[in-house]
Protein backbone atom coordinates (compact mmCIF):
# COMPACT_ATOMS: atom_id res chain seq x y z
CA MET A 1 -39.70 -25.77 12.77
CA GLU A 2 -38.58 -23.13 9.44
CA ARG A 3 -35.14 -23.49 8.94
CA SER A 4 -33.52 -19.77 7.40
CA LYS A 5 -33.04 -20.08 4.31
CA LYS A 6 -29.94 -17.40 4.32
CA LYS A 7 -27.12 -20.26 3.53
CA LYS A 8 -24.58 -19.64 6.84
CA GLN A 9 -21.19 -19.10 5.34
CA VAL A 10 -18.78 -21.71 6.50
CA TYR A 11 -14.58 -20.61 5.48
CA LYS A 12 -12.75 -23.49 4.81
CA SER A 13 -9.27 -21.42 4.98
CA MET A 14 -8.03 -18.80 7.63
CA ARG A 15 -6.87 -16.90 4.20
CA GLU A 16 -10.96 -16.37 3.50
CA PHE A 17 -11.73 -15.95 6.74
CA GLU A 18 -9.12 -12.95 6.54
CA GLU A 19 -10.38 -11.51 3.39
CA LYS A 20 -13.75 -11.56 4.47
CA PHE A 21 -14.06 -9.24 7.70
CA PHE A 22 -10.31 -7.89 6.95
CA PRO A 23 -10.44 -7.15 3.66
CA GLU A 24 -7.95 -3.87 3.37
CA SER A 25 -4.95 -5.84 5.55
CA PHE A 26 -5.50 -9.24 3.12
CA ARG A 27 -5.05 -7.39 0.13
CA LYS A 28 -2.23 -5.32 1.63
CA GLN A 29 -0.35 -8.35 2.53
CA SER A 30 -1.54 -10.05 -0.24
CA ALA A 31 0.47 -7.24 -2.33
CA GLU A 32 3.79 -7.34 -0.13
CA VAL A 33 3.62 -11.47 -0.51
CA SER A 34 3.46 -11.59 -4.23
CA THR A 35 6.90 -10.23 -5.85
CA ASP A 36 6.90 -11.88 -8.71
CA ALA A 37 4.50 -10.52 -11.43
CA ARG A 38 3.37 -13.74 -12.24
CA THR A 39 1.79 -14.14 -9.16
CA LEU A 40 0.75 -10.51 -8.12
CA GLY A 41 -1.65 -11.02 -11.48
CA ILE A 42 -2.89 -13.98 -9.91
CA THR A 43 -3.70 -12.53 -7.28
CA LEU A 44 -5.89 -9.31 -8.48
CA ALA A 45 -7.14 -12.03 -10.99
CA LYS A 46 -8.80 -14.01 -8.34
CA GLU A 47 -9.86 -11.25 -6.32
CA SER A 48 -11.44 -9.36 -9.76
CA LEU A 49 -13.35 -12.50 -10.46
CA ASP A 50 -14.27 -13.01 -6.19
CA ILE A 51 -15.76 -9.70 -6.58
CA ILE A 52 -17.48 -9.72 -9.57
CA ARG A 53 -19.31 -13.24 -8.07
CA ARG A 54 -20.27 -10.98 -4.82
CA ARG A 55 -21.60 -8.35 -7.53
CA LEU A 56 -23.91 -11.14 -9.41
CA SER A 57 -25.14 -12.65 -6.97
CA LYS A 58 -26.64 -9.93 -5.21
């Protein structure tokens, strides 16, 4: 049998799942939770890196 070449996505946390399937509510919730500037900066940097990774993998 030939296996498909697509790699099956495995989510390690509920956060990853919500980020993938509910991006708008995830961003809204993340912005509400992170009130201090440092946490907000880290969150935005991670989101930017994720976007870049997705674009590079295409």
